[in-house]
PDB file of N, CA and C in Angstrom:
ATOM      1  N   MET A   1      -2.318  21.676   5.848  1.00  0.00           N
ATOM      2  CA  MET A   1      -2.155  21.638   4.398  1.00  0.00           C
ATOM      3  C   MET A   1      -0.675  21.667   4.020  1.00  0.00           C
ATOM      4  N   ARG A   2       0.087  22.520   4.660  1.00  0.00           N
ATOM      5  CA  ARG A   2       1.513  22.625   4.336  1.00  0.00           C
ATOM      6  C   ARG A   2       2.253  21.322   4.640  1.00  0.00           C
ATOM      7  N   ARG A   3       1.857  20.642   5.720  1.00  0.00           N
ATOM      8  CA  ARG A   3       2.509  19.387   6.076  1.00  0.00           C
ATOM      9  C   ARG A   3       2.338  18.356   4.963  1.00  0.00           C
ATOM     10  N   GLU A   4       1.135  18.271   4.396  1.00  0.00           N
ATOM     11  CA  GLU A   4       0.873  17.321   3.313  1.00  0.00           C
ATOM     12  C   GLU A   4       1.708  17.666   2.078  1.00  0.00           C
ATOM     13  N   LEU A   5       1.841  18.940   1.775  1.00  0.00           N
ATOM     14  CA  LEU A   5       2.667  19.334   0.634  1.00  0.00           C
ATOM     15  C   LEU A   5       4.115  18.941   0.865  1.00  0.00           C
ATOM     16  N   ASP A   6       4.609  19.126   2.071  1.00  0.00           N
ATOM     17  CA  ASP A   6       5.973  18.738   2.381  1.00  0.00           C
ATOM     18  C   ASP A   6       6.172  17.227   2.235  1.00  0.00           C
ATOM     19  N   LYS A   7       5.194  16.460   2.686  1.00  0.00           N
ATOM     20  CA  LYS A   7       5.278  15.011   2.585  1.00  0.00           C
ATOM     21  C   LYS A   7       5.310  14.574   1.122  1.00  0.00           C
ATOM     22  N   ARG A   8       4.434  15.139   0.294  1.00  0.00           N
ATOM     23  CA  ARG A   8       4.416  14.782  -1.131  1.00  0.00           C
ATOM     24  C   ARG A   8       5.711  15.182  -1.821  1.00  0.00           C
ATOM     25  N   GLU A   9       6.218  16.360  -1.461  1.00  0.00           N
ATOM     26  CA  GLU A   9       7.472  16.819  -2.068  1.00  0.00           C
ATOM     27  C   GLU A   9       8.623  15.894  -1.694  1.00  0.00           C
ATOM     28  N   LEU A  10       8.702  15.529  -0.427  1.00  0.00           N
ATOM     29  CA  LEU A  10       9.764  14.638   0.024  1.00  0.00           C
ATOM     30  C   LEU A  10       9.624  13.255  -0.617  1.00  0.00           C
ATOM     31  N   LEU A  11       8.400  12.759  -0.711  1.00  0.00           N
ATOM     32  CA  LEU A  11       8.167  11.473  -1.352  1.00  0.00           C
ATOM     33  C   LEU A  11       8.602  11.515  -2.816  1.00  0.00           C
ATOM     34  N   GLY A  12       8.266  12.585  -3.507  1.00  0.00           N
ATOM     35  CA  GLY A  12       8.684  12.738  -4.899  1.00  0.00           C
ATOM     36  C   GLY A  12      10.195  12.741  -5.046  1.00  0.00           C
ATOM     37  N   ARG A  13      10.871  13.420  -4.142  1.00  0.00           N
ATOM     38  CA  ARG A  13      12.339  13.442  -4.178  1.00  0.00           C
ATOM     39  C   ARG A  13      12.914  12.053  -3.938  1.00  0.00           C
ATOM     40  N   GLN A  14      12.326  11.311  -2.998  1.00  0.00           N
ATOM     41  CA  GLN A  14      12.798   9.960  -2.703  1.00  0.00           C
ATOM     42  C   GLN A  14      12.556   9.013  -3.884  1.00  0.00           C
ATOM     43  N   VAL A  15      11.388   9.119  -4.488  1.00  0.00           N
ATOM     44  CA  VAL A  15      11.078   8.270  -5.639  1.00  0.00           C
ATOM     45  C   VAL A  15      12.081   8.526  -6.760  1.00  0.00           C
ATOM     46  N   LYS A  16      12.358   9.773  -7.031  1.00  0.00           N
ATOM     47  CA  LYS A  16      13.302  10.091  -8.111  1.00  0.00           C
ATOM     48  C   LYS A  16      14.727   9.672  -7.753  1.00  0.00           C
ATOM     49  N   ALA A  17      15.098   9.826  -6.480  1.00  0.00           N
ATOM     50  CA  ALA A  17      16.451   9.456  -6.059  1.00  0.00           C
ATOM     51  C   ALA A  17      16.675   7.948  -6.130  1.00  0.00           C
ATOM     52  N   PHE A  18      15.636   7.173  -5.871  1.00  0.00           N
ATOM     53  CA  PHE A  18      15.761   5.721  -5.848  1.00  0.00           C
ATOM     54  C   PHE A  18      14.968   5.057  -6.963  1.00  0.00           C
ATOM     55  N   LEU A  19      14.824   5.768  -8.062  1.00  0.00           N
ATOM     56  CA  LEU A  19      14.004   5.266  -9.159  1.00  0.00           C
ATOM     57  C   LEU A  19      14.536   3.953  -9.719  1.00  0.00           C
ATOM     58  N   ASP A  20      15.834   3.804  -9.806  1.00  0.00           N
ATOM     59  CA  ASP A  20      16.385   2.554 -10.326  1.00  0.00           C
ATOM     60  C   ASP A  20      15.966   1.367  -9.464  1.00  0.00           C
ATOM     61  N   VAL A  21      16.018   1.532  -8.159  1.00  0.00           N
ATOM     62  CA  VAL A  21      15.639   0.457  -7.247  1.00  0.00           C
ATOM     63  C   VAL A  21      14.128   0.205  -7.317  1.00  0.00           C
ATOM     64  N   LEU A  22      13.356   1.269  -7.406  1.00  0.00           N
ATOM     65  CA  LEU A  22      11.906   1.118  -7.504  1.00  0.00           C
ATOM     66  C   LEU A  22      11.506   0.406  -8.791  1.00  0.00           C
ATOM     67  N   VAL A  23      12.177   0.725  -9.883  1.00  0.00           N
ATOM     68  CA  VAL A  23      11.877   0.056 -11.155  1.00  0.00           C
ATOM     69  C   VAL A  23      12.222  -1.432 -11.053  1.00  0.00           C
ATOM     70  N   LEU A  24      13.351  -1.753 -10.455  1.00  0.00           N
ATOM     71  CA  LEU A  24      13.685  -3.161 -10.263  1.00  0.00           C
ATOM     72  C   LEU A  24      12.626  -3.853  -9.405  1.00  0.00           C
ATOM     73  N   ALA A  25      12.154  -3.171  -8.365  1.00  0.00           N
ATOM     74  CA  ALA A  25      11.126  -3.754  -7.489  1.00  0.00           C
ATOM     75  C   ALA A  25       9.819  -3.959  -8.251  1.00  0.00           C
ATOM     76  N   VAL A  26       9.421  -2.987  -9.054  1.00  0.00           N
ATOM     77  CA  VAL A  26       8.196  -3.116  -9.846  1.00  0.00           C
ATOM     78  C   VAL A  26       8.318  -4.307 -10.796  1.00  0.00           C
ATOM     79  N   LEU A  27       9.447  -4.408 -11.457  1.00  0.00           N
ATOM     80  CA  LEU A  27       9.641  -5.491 -12.422  1.00  0.00           C
ATOM     81  C   LEU A  27       9.846  -6.842 -11.747  1.00  0.00           C
ATOM     82  N   ASN A  28      10.213  -6.832 -10.486  1.00  0.00           N
ATOM     83  CA  ASN A  28      10.364  -8.081  -9.748  1.00  0.00           C
ATOM     84  C   ASN A  28       9.005  -8.751  -9.552  1.00  0.00           C
ATOM     85  N   GLY A  29       7.953  -7.958  -9.562  1.00  0.00           N
ATOM     86  CA  GLY A  29       6.611  -8.507  -9.439  1.00  0.00           C
ATOM     87  C   GLY A  29       6.145  -9.169 -10.721  1.00  0.00           C
ATOM     88  N   GLU A  30       6.414  -8.528 -11.855  1.00  0.00           N
ATOM     89  CA  GLU A  30       5.996  -9.062 -13.150  1.00  0.00           C
ATOM     90  C   GLU A  30       6.619  -8.245 -14.276  1.00  0.00           C
ATOM     91  N   PRO A  31       6.811  -8.859 -15.439  1.00  0.00           N
ATOM     92  CA  PRO A  31       7.298  -8.098 -16.595  1.00  0.00           C
ATOM     93  C   PRO A  31       6.274  -7.044 -16.989  1.00  0.00           C
ATOM     94  N   MET A  32       6.755  -5.884 -17.452  1.00  0.00           N
ATOM     95  CA  MET A  32       5.856  -4.790 -17.805  1.00  0.00           C
ATOM     96  C   MET A  32       6.389  -3.979 -18.969  1.00  0.00           C
ATOM     97  N   HIS A  33       5.458  -3.293 -19.640  1.00  0.00           N
ATOM     98  CA  HIS A  33       5.792  -2.276 -20.629  1.00  0.00           C
ATOM     99  C   HIS A  33       6.163  -1.003 -19.871  1.00  0.00           C
ATOM    100  N   GLY A  34       6.848  -0.094 -20.537  1.00  0.00           N
ATOM    101  CA  GLY A  34       7.246   1.164 -19.911  1.00  0.00           C
ATOM    102  C   GLY A  34       6.074   1.936 -19.339  1.00  0.00           C
ATOM    103  N   TYR A  35       4.991   2.025 -20.106  1.00  0.00           N
ATOM    104  CA  TYR A  35       3.818   2.760 -19.626  1.00  0.00           C
ATOM    105  C   TYR A  35       3.275   2.152 -18.336  1.00  0.00           C
ATOM    106  N   ASP A  36       3.270   0.825 -18.257  1.00  0.00           N
ATOM    107  CA  ASP A  36       2.771   0.152 -17.060  1.00  0.00           C
ATOM    108  C   ASP A  36       3.661   0.437 -15.846  1.00  0.00           C
ATOM    109  N   ILE A  37       4.959   0.567 -16.075  1.00  0.00           N
ATOM    110  CA  ILE A  37       5.879   0.911 -14.986  1.00  0.00           C
ATOM    111  C   ILE A  37       5.547   2.310 -14.469  1.00  0.00           C
ATOM    112  N   LEU A  38       5.388   3.254 -15.396  1.00  0.00           N
ATOM    113  CA  LEU A  38       5.024   4.623 -15.003  1.00  0.00           C
ATOM    114  C   LEU A  38       3.711   4.637 -14.224  1.00  0.00           C
ATOM    115  N   ALA A  39       2.724   3.898 -14.718  1.00  0.00           N
ATOM    116  CA  ALA A  39       1.406   3.858 -14.066  1.00  0.00           C
ATOM    117  C   ALA A  39       1.496   3.222 -12.683  1.00  0.00           C
ATOM    118  N   SER A  40       2.294   2.190 -12.541  1.00  0.00           N
ATOM    119  CA  SER A  40       2.442   1.507 -11.261  1.00  0.00           C
ATOM    120  C   SER A  40       3.063   2.430 -10.208  1.00  0.00           C
ATOM    121  N   ILE A  41       4.095   3.153 -10.596  1.00  0.00           N
ATOM    122  CA  ILE A  41       4.747   4.085  -9.667  1.00  0.00           C
ATOM    123  C   ILE A  41       3.804   5.227  -9.323  1.00  0.00           C
ATOM    124  N   HIS A  42       3.072   5.727 -10.302  1.00  0.00           N
ATOM    125  CA  HIS A  42       2.121   6.806 -10.042  1.00  0.00           C
ATOM    126  C   HIS A  42       1.016   6.344  -9.101  1.00  0.00           C
ATOM    127  N   LYS A  43       0.502   5.149  -9.331  1.00  0.00           N
ATOM    128  CA  LYS A  43      -0.570   4.623  -8.481  1.00  0.00           C
ATOM    129  C   LYS A  43      -0.093   4.439  -7.036  1.00  0.00           C
ATOM    130  N   LYS A  44       1.102   3.930  -6.857  1.00  0.00           N
ATOM    131  CA  LYS A  44       1.611   3.644  -5.515  1.00  0.00           C
ATOM    132  C   LYS A  44       2.035   4.902  -4.763  1.00  0.00           C
ATOM    133  N   PHE A  45       2.716   5.828  -5.453  1.00  0.00           N
ATOM    134  CA  PHE A  45       3.321   6.971  -4.772  1.00  0.00           C
ATOM    135  C   PHE A  45       2.699   8.315  -5.126  1.00  0.00           C
ATOM    136  N   GLY A  46       1.869   8.352  -6.152  1.00  0.00           N
ATOM    137  CA  GLY A  46       1.284   9.623  -6.567  1.00  0.00           C
ATOM    138  C   GLY A  46       2.278  10.533  -7.270  1.00  0.00           C
ATOM    139  N   VAL A  47       3.387   9.963  -7.722  1.00  0.00           N
ATOM    140  CA  VAL A  47       4.430  10.726  -8.409  1.00  0.00           C
ATOM    141  C   VAL A  47       4.326  10.434  -9.897  1.00  0.00           C
ATOM    142  N   LEU A  48       4.154  11.483 -10.677  1.00  0.00           N
ATOM    143  CA  LEU A  48       4.018  11.336 -12.122  1.00  0.00           C
ATOM    144  C   LEU A  48       5.384  11.552 -12.762  1.00  0.00           C
ATOM    145  N   LEU A  49       5.913  10.509 -13.364  1.00  0.00           N
ATOM    146  CA  LEU A  49       7.214  10.566 -14.024  1.00  0.00           C
ATOM    147  C   LEU A  49       6.999  10.658 -15.524  1.00  0.00           C
ATOM    148  N   SER A  50       7.919  11.283 -16.198  1.00  0.00           N
ATOM    149  CA  SER A  50       7.821  11.401 -17.649  1.00  0.00           C
ATOM    150  C   SER A  50       8.527  10.215 -18.316  1.00  0.00           C
ATOM    151  N   PRO A  51       8.106   9.875 -19.516  1.00  0.00           N
ATOM    152  CA  PRO A  51       8.830   8.845 -20.269  1.00  0.00           C
ATOM    153  C   PRO A  51      10.302   9.211 -20.452  1.00  0.00           C
ATOM    154  N   GLY A  52      10.586  10.501 -20.547  1.00  0.00           N
ATOM    155  CA  GLY A  52      11.967  10.957 -20.695  1.00  0.00           C
ATOM    156  C   GLY A  52      12.821  10.682 -19.478  1.00  0.00           C
ATOM    157  N   THR A  53      12.205  10.430 -18.362  1.00  0.00           N
ATOM    158  CA  THR A  53      12.923  10.031 -17.151  1.00  0.00           C
ATOM    159  C   THR A  53      13.084   8.515 -17.105  1.00  0.00           C
ATOM    160  N   LEU A  54      12.028   7.798 -17.474  1.00  0.00           N
ATOM    161  CA  LEU A  54      12.032   6.343 -17.333  1.00  0.00           C
ATOM    162  C   LEU A  54      12.863   5.630 -18.391  1.00  0.00           C
ATOM    163  N   TYR A  55      12.681   5.967 -19.660  1.00  0.00           N
ATOM    164  CA  TYR A  55      13.299   5.161 -20.712  1.00  0.00           C
ATOM    165  C   TYR A  55      14.828   5.199 -20.712  1.00  0.00           C
ATOM    166  N   PRO A  56      15.459   6.327 -20.475  1.00  0.00           N
ATOM    167  CA  PRO A  56      16.924   6.276 -20.352  1.00  0.00           C
ATOM    168  C   PRO A  56      17.378   5.385 -19.184  1.00  0.00           C
ATOM    169  N   LEU A  57      16.605   5.394 -18.096  1.00  0.00           N
ATOM    170  CA  LEU A  57      16.934   4.526 -16.960  1.00  0.00           C
ATOM    171  C   LEU A  57      16.790   3.057 -17.354  1.00  0.00           C
ATOM    172  N   LEU A  58      15.722   2.715 -18.067  1.00  0.00           N
ATOM    173  CA  LEU A  58      15.552   1.332 -18.513  1.00  0.00           C
ATOM    174  C   LEU A  58      16.700   0.897 -19.414  1.00  0.00           C
ATOM    175  N   HIS A  59      17.141   1.777 -20.297  1.00  0.00           N
ATOM    176  CA  HIS A  59      18.277   1.447 -21.168  1.00  0.00           C
ATOM    177  C   HIS A  59      19.545   1.246 -20.336  1.00  0.00           C
ATOM    178  N   SER A  60      19.715   2.070 -19.321  1.00  0.00           N
ATOM    179  CA  SER A  60      20.873   1.945 -18.433  1.00  0.00           C
ATOM    180  C   SER A  60      20.837   0.623 -17.655  1.00  0.00           C
ATOM    181  N   LEU A  61      19.666   0.261 -17.148  1.00  0.00           N
ATOM    182  CA  LEU A  61      19.531  -1.007 -16.423  1.00  0.00           C
ATOM    183  C   LEU A  61      19.785  -2.195 -17.343  1.00  0.00           C
ATOM    184  N   ALA A  62      19.372  -2.080 -18.603  1.00  0.00           N
ATOM    185  CA  ALA A  62      19.620  -3.153 -19.572  1.00  0.00           C
ATOM    186  C   ALA A  62      21.109  -3.257 -19.897  1.00  0.00           C
ATOM    187  N   ARG A  63      21.770  -2.104 -20.066  1.00  0.00           N
ATOM    188  CA  ARG A  63      23.215  -2.116 -20.337  1.00  0.00           C
ATOM    189  C   ARG A  63      23.990  -2.724 -19.169  1.00  0.00           C
ATOM    190  N   ALA A  64      23.506  -2.491 -17.939  1.00  0.00           N
ATOM    191  CA  ALA A  64      24.149  -3.053 -16.747  1.00  0.00           C
ATOM    192  C   ALA A  64      23.755  -4.519 -16.536  1.00  0.00           C
ATOM    193  N   ARG A  65      22.930  -5.040 -17.437  1.00  0.00           N
ATOM    194  CA  ARG A  65      22.455  -6.426 -17.397  1.00  0.00           C
ATOM    195  C   ARG A  65      21.679  -6.750 -16.115  1.00  0.00           C
ATOM    196  N   LEU A  66      20.887  -5.775 -15.668  1.00  0.00           N
ATOM    197  CA  LEU A  66      20.024  -5.974 -14.504  1.00  0.00           C
ATOM    198  C   LEU A  66      18.594  -6.312 -14.919  1.00  0.00           C
ATOM    199  N   ILE A  67      18.247  -5.936 -16.148  1.00  0.00           N
ATOM    200  CA  ILE A  67      16.936  -6.279 -16.701  1.00  0.00           C
ATOM    201  C   ILE A  67      17.134  -6.811 -18.113  1.00  0.00           C
ATOM    202  N   GLU A  68      16.109  -7.492 -18.598  1.00  0.00           N
ATOM    203  CA  GLU A  68      16.096  -7.995 -19.962  1.00  0.00           C
ATOM    204  C   GLU A  68      14.854  -7.454 -20.653  1.00  0.00           C
ATOM    205  N   THR A  69      14.897  -7.439 -21.966  1.00  0.00           N
ATOM    206  CA  THR A  69      13.745  -6.949 -22.732  1.00  0.00           C
ATOM    207  C   THR A  69      13.354  -7.980 -23.777  1.00  0.00           C
ATOM    208  N   ARG A  70      12.091  -7.946 -24.100  1.00  0.00           N
ATOM    209  CA  ARG A  70      11.606  -8.705 -25.256  1.00  0.00           C
ATOM    210  C   ARG A  70      10.524  -7.862 -25.913  1.00  0.00           C
ATOM    211  N   THR A  71      10.315  -8.091 -27.180  1.00  0.00           N
ATOM    212  CA  THR A  71       9.319  -7.322 -27.919  1.00  0.00           C
ATOM    213  C   THR A  71       8.018  -8.114 -27.965  1.00  0.00           C
ATOM    214  N   SER A  72       6.949  -7.430 -27.640  1.00  0.00           N
ATOM    215  CA  SER A  72       5.629  -8.033 -27.663  1.00  0.00           C
ATOM    216  C   SER A  72       4.675  -7.061 -28.334  1.00  0.00           C
ATOM    217  N   ARG A  73       4.209  -7.431 -29.527  1.00  0.00           N
ATOM    218  CA  ARG A  73       3.282  -6.576 -30.271  1.00  0.00           C
ATOM    219  C   ARG A  73       3.813  -5.158 -30.438  1.00  0.00           C
ATOM    220  N   TRP A  74       4.996  -5.045 -30.914  1.00  0.00           N
ATOM    221  CA  TRP A  74       5.639  -3.759 -31.223  1.00  0.00           C
ATOM    222  C   TRP A  74       5.990  -2.944 -29.985  1.00  0.00           C
ATOM    223  N   ARG A  75       5.875  -3.519 -28.831  1.00  0.00           N
ATOM    224  CA  ARG A  75       6.246  -2.815 -27.594  1.00  0.00           C
ATOM    225  C   ARG A  75       7.264  -3.658 -26.847  1.00  0.00           C
ATOM    226  N   LYS A  76       8.142  -2.976 -26.140  1.00  0.00           N
ATOM    227  CA  LYS A  76       9.117  -3.701 -25.343  1.00  0.00           C
ATOM    228  C   LYS A  76       8.529  -4.052 -23.989  1.00  0.00           C
ATOM    229  N   VAL A  77       8.817  -5.257 -23.561  1.00  0.00           N
ATOM    230  CA  VAL A  77       8.452  -5.715 -22.227  1.00  0.00           C
ATOM    231  C   VAL A  77       9.758  -5.860 -21.459  1.00  0.00           C
ATOM    232  N   TYR A  78       9.778  -5.303 -20.257  1.00  0.00           N
ATOM    233  CA  TYR A  78      10.971  -5.322 -19.415  1.00  0.00           C
ATOM    234  C   TYR A  78      10.765  -6.295 -18.273  1.00  0.00           C
ATOM    235  N   MET A  79      11.820  -7.048 -17.949  1.00  0.00           N
ATOM    236  CA  MET A  79      11.750  -7.979 -16.826  1.00  0.00           C
ATOM    237  C   MET A  79      13.078  -8.000 -16.090  1.00  0.00           C
ATOM    238  N   VAL A  80      13.012  -8.140 -14.793  1.00  0.00           N
ATOM    239  CA  VAL A  80      14.224  -8.190 -13.987  1.00  0.00           C
ATOM    240  C   VAL A  80      14.805  -9.599 -14.090  1.00  0.00           C
ATOM    241  N   ASN A  81      16.131  -9.691 -14.154  1.00  0.00           N
ATOM    242  CA  ASN A  81      16.784 -10.998 -14.195  1.00  0.00           C
ATOM    243  C   ASN A  81      17.411 -11.290 -12.823  1.00  0.00           C
ATOM    244  N   GLN A  82      18.122 -12.392 -12.723  1.00  0.00           N
ATOM    245  CA  GLN A  82      18.690 -12.790 -11.422  1.00  0.00           C
ATOM    246  C   GLN A  82      19.670 -11.741 -10.893  1.00  0.00           C
ATOM    247  N   LYS A  83      20.509 -11.210 -11.759  1.00  0.00           N
ATOM    248  CA  LYS A  83      21.459 -10.182 -11.330  1.00  0.00           C
ATOM    249  C   LYS A  83      20.709  -8.951 -10.809  1.00  0.00           C
ATOM    250  N   GLY A  84      19.618  -8.577 -11.460  1.00  0.00           N
ATOM    251  CA  GLY A  84      18.803  -7.454 -11.023  1.00  0.00           C
ATOM    252  C   GLY A  84      18.142  -7.719  -9.683  1.00  0.00           C
ATOM    253  N   LYS A  85      17.688  -8.956  -9.471  1.00  0.00           N
ATOM    254  CA  LYS A  85      17.086  -9.330  -8.192  1.00  0.00           C
ATOM    255  C   LYS A  85      18.101  -9.234  -7.064  1.00  0.00           C
ATOM    256  N   GLU A  86      19.318  -9.667  -7.334  1.00  0.00           N
ATOM    257  CA  GLU A  86      20.371  -9.578  -6.321  1.00  0.00           C
ATOM    258  C   GLU A  86      20.700  -8.116  -6.016  1.00  0.00           C
ATOM    259  N   LYS A  87      20.781  -7.295  -7.059  1.00  0.00           N
ATOM    260  CA  LYS A  87      21.048  -5.861  -6.873  1.00  0.00           C
ATOM    261  C   LYS A  87      19.932  -5.217  -6.057  1.00  0.00           C
ATOM    262  N   LEU A  88      18.690  -5.565  -6.349  1.00  0.00           N
ATOM    263  CA  LEU A  88      17.545  -5.036  -5.608  1.00  0.00           C
ATOM    264  C   LEU A  88      17.656  -5.407  -4.134  1.00  0.00           C
ATOM    265  N   ARG A  89      17.892  -6.657  -3.846  1.00  0.00           N
ATOM    266  CA  ARG A  89      18.000  -7.119  -2.457  1.00  0.00           C
ATOM    267  C   ARG A  89      19.155  -6.432  -1.724  1.00  0.00           C
ATOM    268  N   ASP A  90      20.329  -6.392  -2.354  1.00  0.00           N
ATOM    269  CA  ASP A  90      21.502  -5.787  -1.722  1.00  0.00           C
ATOM    270  C   ASP A  90      21.299  -4.294  -1.484  1.00  0.00           C
ATOM    271  N   THR A  91      20.754  -3.602  -2.468  1.00  0.00           N
ATOM    272  CA  THR A  91      20.529  -2.168  -2.338  1.00  0.00           C
ATOM    273  C   THR A  91      19.496  -1.874  -1.268  1.00  0.00           C
ATOM    274  N   PHE A  92      18.454  -2.700  -1.182  1.00  0.00           N
ATOM    275  CA  PHE A  92      17.436  -2.498  -0.159  1.00  0.00           C
ATOM    276  C   PHE A  92      18.015  -2.665   1.235  1.00  0.00           C
ATOM    277  N   MET A  93      18.881  -3.631   1.417  1.00  0.00           N
ATOM    278  CA  MET A  93      19.509  -3.841   2.733  1.00  0.00           C
ATOM    279  C   MET A  93      20.314  -2.603   3.141  1.00  0.00           C
ATOM    280  N   VAL A  94      21.063  -2.056   2.213  1.00  0.00           N
ATOM    281  CA  VAL A  94      21.849  -0.852   2.493  1.00  0.00           C
ATOM    282  C   VAL A  94      20.921   0.329   2.736  1.00  0.00           C
ATOM    283  N   TYR A  95      19.884   0.482   1.908  1.00  0.00           N
ATOM    284  CA  TYR A  95      18.930   1.580   2.061  1.00  0.00           C
ATOM    285  C   TYR A  95      18.273   1.541   3.434  1.00  0.00           C
ATOM    286  N   ARG A  96      17.881   0.358   3.874  1.00  0.00           N
ATOM    287  CA  ARG A  96      17.229   0.225   5.184  1.00  0.00           C
ATOM    288  C   ARG A  96      18.172   0.654   6.305  1.00  0.00           C
ATOM    289  N   ALA A  97      19.422   0.255   6.239  1.00  0.00           N
ATOM    290  CA  ALA A  97      20.396   0.626   7.267  1.00  0.00           C
ATOM    291  C   ALA A  97      20.659   2.136   7.253  1.00  0.00           C
ATOM    292  N   VAL A  98      20.812   2.708   6.078  1.00  0.00           N
ATOM    293  CA  VAL A  98      21.061   4.149   5.963  1.00  0.00           C
ATOM    294  C   VAL A  98      19.858   4.940   6.463  1.00  0.00           C
ATOM    295  N   SER A  99      18.663   4.501   6.113  1.00  0.00           N
ATOM    296  CA  SER A  99      17.444   5.183   6.577  1.00  0.00           C
ATOM    297  C   SER A  99      17.353   5.176   8.095  1.00  0.00           C
ATOM    298  N   ARG A 100      17.675   4.042   8.689  1.00  0.00           N
ATOM    299  CA  ARG A 100      17.685   3.944  10.156  1.00  0.00           C
ATOM    300  C   ARG A 100      18.687   4.923  10.761  1.00  0.00           C
ATOM    301  N   ASP A 101      19.886   4.995  10.189  1.00  0.00           N
ATOM    302  CA  ASP A 101      20.924   5.898  10.698  1.00  0.00           C
ATOM    303  C   ASP A 101      20.495   7.359  10.580  1.00  0.00           C
ATOM    304  N   ILE A 102      19.921   7.720   9.460  1.00  0.00           N
ATOM    305  CA  ILE A 102      19.467   9.100   9.256  1.00  0.00           C
ATOM    306  C   ILE A 102      18.333   9.434  10.214  1.00  0.00           C
ATOM    307  N   SER A 103      17.369   8.532  10.354  1.00  0.00           N
ATOM    308  CA  SER A 103      16.252   8.758  11.276  1.00  0.00           C
ATOM    309  C   SER A 103      16.739   8.910  12.699  1.00  0.00           C
ATOM    310  N   SER A 104      17.652   8.069  13.093  1.00  0.00           N
ATOM    311  CA  SER A 104      18.195   8.140  14.452  1.00  0.00           C
ATOM    312  C   SER A 104      18.933   9.470  14.672  1.00  0.00           C
ATOM    313  N   PHE A 105      19.712   9.857  13.703  1.00  0.00           N
ATOM    314  CA  PHE A 105      20.468  11.110  13.807  1.00  0.00           C
ATOM    315  C   PHE A 105      19.520  12.295  13.977  1.00  0.00           C
ATOM    316  N   ILE A 106      18.505  12.374  13.145  1.00  0.00           N
ATOM    317  CA  ILE A 106      17.562  13.489  13.214  1.00  0.00           C
ATOM    318  C   ILE A 106      16.758  13.420  14.498  1.00  0.00           C
ATOM    319  N   ASN A 107      16.303  12.226  14.871  1.00  0.00           N
ATOM    320  CA  ASN A 107      15.500  12.057  16.097  1.00  0.00           C
ATOM    321  C   ASN A 107      16.256  12.536  17.334  1.00  0.00           C
ATOM    322  N   GLU A 108      17.545  12.323  17.387  1.00  0.00           N
ATOM    323  CA  GLU A 108      18.353  12.757  18.534  1.00  0.00           C
ATOM    324  C   GLU A 108      18.437  14.282  18.631  1.00  0.00           C
ATOM    325  N   ARG A 109      18.127  14.958  17.535  1.00  0.00           N
ATOM    326  CA  ARG A 109      18.320  16.406  17.503  1.00  0.00           C
ATOM    327  C   ARG A 109      17.022  17.200  17.459  1.00  0.00           C
ATOM    328  N   ILE A 110      15.898  16.527  17.542  1.00  0.00           N
ATOM    329  CA  ILE A 110      14.636  17.286  17.579  1.00  0.00           C
ATOM    330  C   ILE A 110      13.890  17.050  18.875  1.00  0.00           C
TER     331      ILE A 110
END
């Protein structure tokens, strides 16, 4: 039981640490409303995020010109643009290399 709690806790920390990249990945699949982004992340990872966590991040991604918005029936729809796709790809490549280095480091010591 404790092992599962540790796994969920670590997963939650990772989701929050890389939320910007995860949001870009979610939006790379299809444009979505904020609620749909929250639901998608919750369904995939079991991590429940608050709107107060997501919406400031979406505004930040829009200011950085990584996503675009349009209004649909009084709700904003968010979509990743080409610059956001490039950022997602580049960040994932770095994340994969760093994860490998960390795993190797820990594996050598246990």
